[in-house]
């Protein structure tokens, strides 16, 4: 996953149900002090239909359409 990809949220959060679509704006490597798999990234999403951005781990997202 990278910036520009359209993704679907698989893990719900308060105010964001599972299945919500979003656009990845930025991606960052996760520091080693988190309980994550090596090489996992944090993605900043602009959620469709909501005026907010949220952070998600790659394992909580499903790619709908990749950018070129």
N, C-alpha and C. Protein backbone atom coordinates (compact mmCIF):
# COMPACT_ATOMS: atom_id res chain seq x y z
N UNK A 1 0.85 -1.18 0.00
CA UNK A 1 0.00 0.00 0.00
C UNK A 1 0.89 1.24 0.00
N UNK A 2 0.41 2.25 -0.69
CA UNK A 2 1.17 3.50 -0.77
C UNK A 2 0.21 4.67 -0.94
N UNK A 3 0.75 5.88 -0.87
CA UNK A 3 -0.06 7.08 -1.01
C UNK A 3 -0.80 7.05 -2.34
N UNK A 4 -2.08 7.39 -2.32
CA UNK A 4 -2.90 7.41 -3.52
C UNK A 4 -3.79 6.19 -3.68
N UNK A 5 -3.57 5.15 -2.88
CA UNK A 5 -4.40 3.95 -2.95
C UNK A 5 -5.76 4.18 -2.28
N UNK A 6 -6.80 3.64 -2.87
CA UNK A 6 -8.14 3.64 -2.27
C UNK A 6 -8.25 2.36 -1.46
N UNK A 7 -8.62 2.49 -0.17
CA UNK A 7 -8.68 1.33 0.72
C UNK A 7 -10.00 1.27 1.47
N UNK A 8 -10.29 0.09 1.99
CA UNK A 8 -11.47 -0.14 2.81
C UNK A 8 -11.00 -0.48 4.22
N UNK A 9 -11.62 0.13 5.23
CA UNK A 9 -11.28 -0.11 6.62
C UNK A 9 -11.88 -1.45 7.04
N UNK A 10 -11.04 -2.34 7.59
CA UNK A 10 -11.52 -3.65 8.05
C UNK A 10 -11.79 -3.67 9.56
N UNK A 11 -11.15 -2.77 10.31
CA UNK A 11 -11.32 -2.73 11.76
C UNK A 11 -12.06 -1.44 12.14
N UNK A 12 -13.25 -1.54 12.73
CA UNK A 12 -13.99 -0.34 13.07
C UNK A 12 -13.35 0.44 14.21
N UNK A 13 -13.58 1.75 14.22
CA UNK A 13 -13.18 2.64 15.30
C UNK A 13 -14.41 3.46 15.66
N UNK A 14 -14.33 4.19 16.73
CA UNK A 14 -15.45 5.06 17.11
C UNK A 14 -15.68 6.07 15.99
N UNK A 15 -16.88 6.10 15.45
CA UNK A 15 -17.25 7.02 14.39
C UNK A 15 -16.86 6.57 12.99
N UNK A 16 -16.16 5.45 12.88
CA UNK A 16 -15.74 4.94 11.57
C UNK A 16 -16.08 3.45 11.51
N UNK A 17 -17.19 3.08 10.87
CA UNK A 17 -17.55 1.66 10.79
C UNK A 17 -16.66 0.90 9.82
N UNK A 18 -16.59 -0.41 10.01
CA UNK A 18 -15.86 -1.27 9.06
C UNK A 18 -16.51 -1.12 7.69
N UNK A 19 -15.72 -1.13 6.65
CA UNK A 19 -16.23 -0.97 5.30
C UNK A 19 -16.14 0.45 4.78
N UNK A 20 -15.76 1.41 5.63
CA UNK A 20 -15.60 2.80 5.21
C UNK A 20 -14.43 2.90 4.23
N UNK A 21 -14.60 3.67 3.19
CA UNK A 21 -13.55 3.88 2.20
C UNK A 21 -12.71 5.09 2.54
N UNK A 22 -11.44 5.02 2.17
CA UNK A 22 -10.54 6.15 2.41
C UNK A 22 -9.41 6.15 1.42
N UNK A 23 -8.74 7.28 1.32
CA UNK A 23 -7.61 7.47 0.43
C UNK A 23 -6.35 7.62 1.28
N UNK A 24 -5.32 6.84 0.98
CA UNK A 24 -4.07 6.95 1.73
C UNK A 24 -3.37 8.24 1.31
N UNK A 25 -3.09 9.10 2.30
CA UNK A 25 -2.37 10.34 2.05
C UNK A 25 -0.87 10.18 2.25
N UNK A 26 -0.48 9.47 3.33
CA UNK A 26 0.93 9.27 3.65
C UNK A 26 1.10 7.92 4.31
N UNK A 27 2.31 7.39 4.25
CA UNK A 27 2.65 6.14 4.92
C UNK A 27 3.98 6.30 5.63
N UNK A 28 4.08 5.71 6.83
CA UNK A 28 5.29 5.79 7.64
C UNK A 28 5.66 4.41 8.15
N UNK A 29 6.96 4.17 8.31
CA UNK A 29 7.42 2.94 8.94
C UNK A 29 7.10 2.99 10.43
N UNK A 30 6.78 1.84 11.00
CA UNK A 30 6.48 1.73 12.42
C UNK A 30 7.79 1.57 13.18
N UNK A 31 7.90 2.27 14.31
CA UNK A 31 9.08 2.10 15.16
C UNK A 31 9.06 0.72 15.81
N UNK A 32 10.18 0.24 16.22
CA UNK A 32 10.30 -1.10 16.78
C UNK A 32 9.66 -1.27 18.15
N UNK A 33 9.31 -0.20 18.85
CA UNK A 33 8.76 -0.36 20.20
C UNK A 33 7.26 -0.66 20.21
N UNK A 34 6.64 -0.79 19.05
CA UNK A 34 5.23 -1.19 18.96
C UNK A 34 5.15 -2.70 18.76
N UNK A 35 4.02 -3.28 19.12
CA UNK A 35 3.81 -4.71 18.95
C UNK A 35 3.29 -4.97 17.54
N UNK A 36 4.17 -4.87 16.56
CA UNK A 36 3.79 -5.04 15.15
C UNK A 36 4.80 -5.94 14.45
N UNK A 37 4.43 -6.40 13.30
CA UNK A 37 5.32 -7.22 12.48
C UNK A 37 6.42 -6.34 11.89
N UNK A 38 7.59 -6.90 11.67
CA UNK A 38 8.67 -6.12 11.04
C UNK A 38 8.25 -5.60 9.67
N UNK A 39 8.57 -4.36 9.39
CA UNK A 39 8.25 -3.77 8.10
C UNK A 39 6.83 -3.24 7.96
N UNK A 40 6.03 -3.32 9.03
CA UNK A 40 4.65 -2.82 8.94
C UNK A 40 4.65 -1.29 8.91
N UNK A 41 3.63 -0.73 8.28
CA UNK A 41 3.54 0.73 8.13
C UNK A 41 2.27 1.28 8.77
N UNK A 42 2.34 2.56 9.12
CA UNK A 42 1.17 3.31 9.55
C UNK A 42 0.74 4.16 8.36
N UNK A 43 -0.55 4.12 8.04
CA UNK A 43 -1.08 4.87 6.90
C UNK A 43 -2.04 5.94 7.41
N UNK A 44 -1.87 7.16 6.89
CA UNK A 44 -2.77 8.27 7.20
C UNK A 44 -3.84 8.29 6.11
N UNK A 45 -5.12 8.14 6.53
CA UNK A 45 -6.23 8.09 5.57
C UNK A 45 -7.08 9.34 5.62
N UNK A 46 -7.53 9.79 4.46
CA UNK A 46 -8.61 10.78 4.36
C UNK A 46 -9.85 9.95 4.09
N UNK A 47 -10.76 9.92 5.05
CA UNK A 47 -11.95 9.09 4.92
C UNK A 47 -12.98 9.75 4.01
N UNK A 48 -13.60 8.96 3.16
CA UNK A 48 -14.59 9.45 2.21
C UNK A 48 -15.88 9.78 2.98
N UNK A 49 -16.39 10.99 2.79
CA UNK A 49 -17.64 11.39 3.42
C UNK A 49 -17.48 11.88 4.85
N UNK A 50 -16.26 11.96 5.35
CA UNK A 50 -16.01 12.44 6.71
C UNK A 50 -14.87 13.46 6.66
N UNK A 51 -15.02 14.57 7.35
CA UNK A 51 -14.00 15.61 7.28
C UNK A 51 -12.87 15.37 8.29
N UNK A 52 -12.30 14.17 8.26
CA UNK A 52 -11.23 13.87 9.20
C UNK A 52 -10.25 12.88 8.62
N UNK A 53 -9.07 12.86 9.22
CA UNK A 53 -8.03 11.92 8.84
C UNK A 53 -7.82 10.98 10.02
N UNK A 54 -7.51 9.72 9.73
CA UNK A 54 -7.26 8.73 10.78
C UNK A 54 -6.02 7.93 10.42
N UNK A 55 -5.36 7.39 11.45
CA UNK A 55 -4.19 6.53 11.26
C UNK A 55 -4.60 5.08 11.41
N UNK A 56 -4.10 4.24 10.53
CA UNK A 56 -4.38 2.80 10.56
C UNK A 56 -3.11 2.03 10.26
N UNK A 57 -3.01 0.85 10.83
CA UNK A 57 -1.96 -0.08 10.44
C UNK A 57 -2.38 -0.77 9.15
N UNK A 58 -1.41 -1.21 8.37
CA UNK A 58 -1.70 -1.86 7.10
C UNK A 58 -2.58 -3.09 7.25
N UNK A 59 -2.45 -3.82 8.37
CA UNK A 59 -3.25 -5.04 8.57
C UNK A 59 -4.73 -4.74 8.78
N UNK A 60 -5.09 -3.47 9.05
CA UNK A 60 -6.48 -3.09 9.26
C UNK A 60 -7.13 -2.53 8.01
N UNK A 61 -6.43 -2.59 6.88
CA UNK A 61 -6.93 -2.03 5.63
C UNK A 61 -6.92 -3.07 4.52
N UNK A 62 -7.80 -2.87 3.56
CA UNK A 62 -7.89 -3.73 2.37
C UNK A 62 -7.86 -2.83 1.15
N UNK A 63 -6.95 -3.08 0.23
CA UNK A 63 -6.82 -2.25 -0.97
C UNK A 63 -8.00 -2.51 -1.90
N UNK A 64 -8.68 -1.43 -2.32
CA UNK A 64 -9.77 -1.52 -3.28
C UNK A 64 -9.25 -1.21 -4.67
N UNK A 65 -8.43 -0.16 -4.79
CA UNK A 65 -7.88 0.24 -6.08
C UNK A 65 -6.52 0.85 -5.85
N UNK A 66 -5.49 0.31 -6.51
CA UNK A 66 -4.13 0.82 -6.36
C UNK A 66 -3.87 2.00 -7.30
N UNK A 67 -3.08 2.96 -6.81
CA UNK A 67 -2.67 4.06 -7.67
C UNK A 67 -1.51 3.58 -8.54
N UNK A 68 -1.29 4.27 -9.62
CA UNK A 68 -0.20 3.87 -10.54
C UNK A 68 0.99 4.75 -10.36
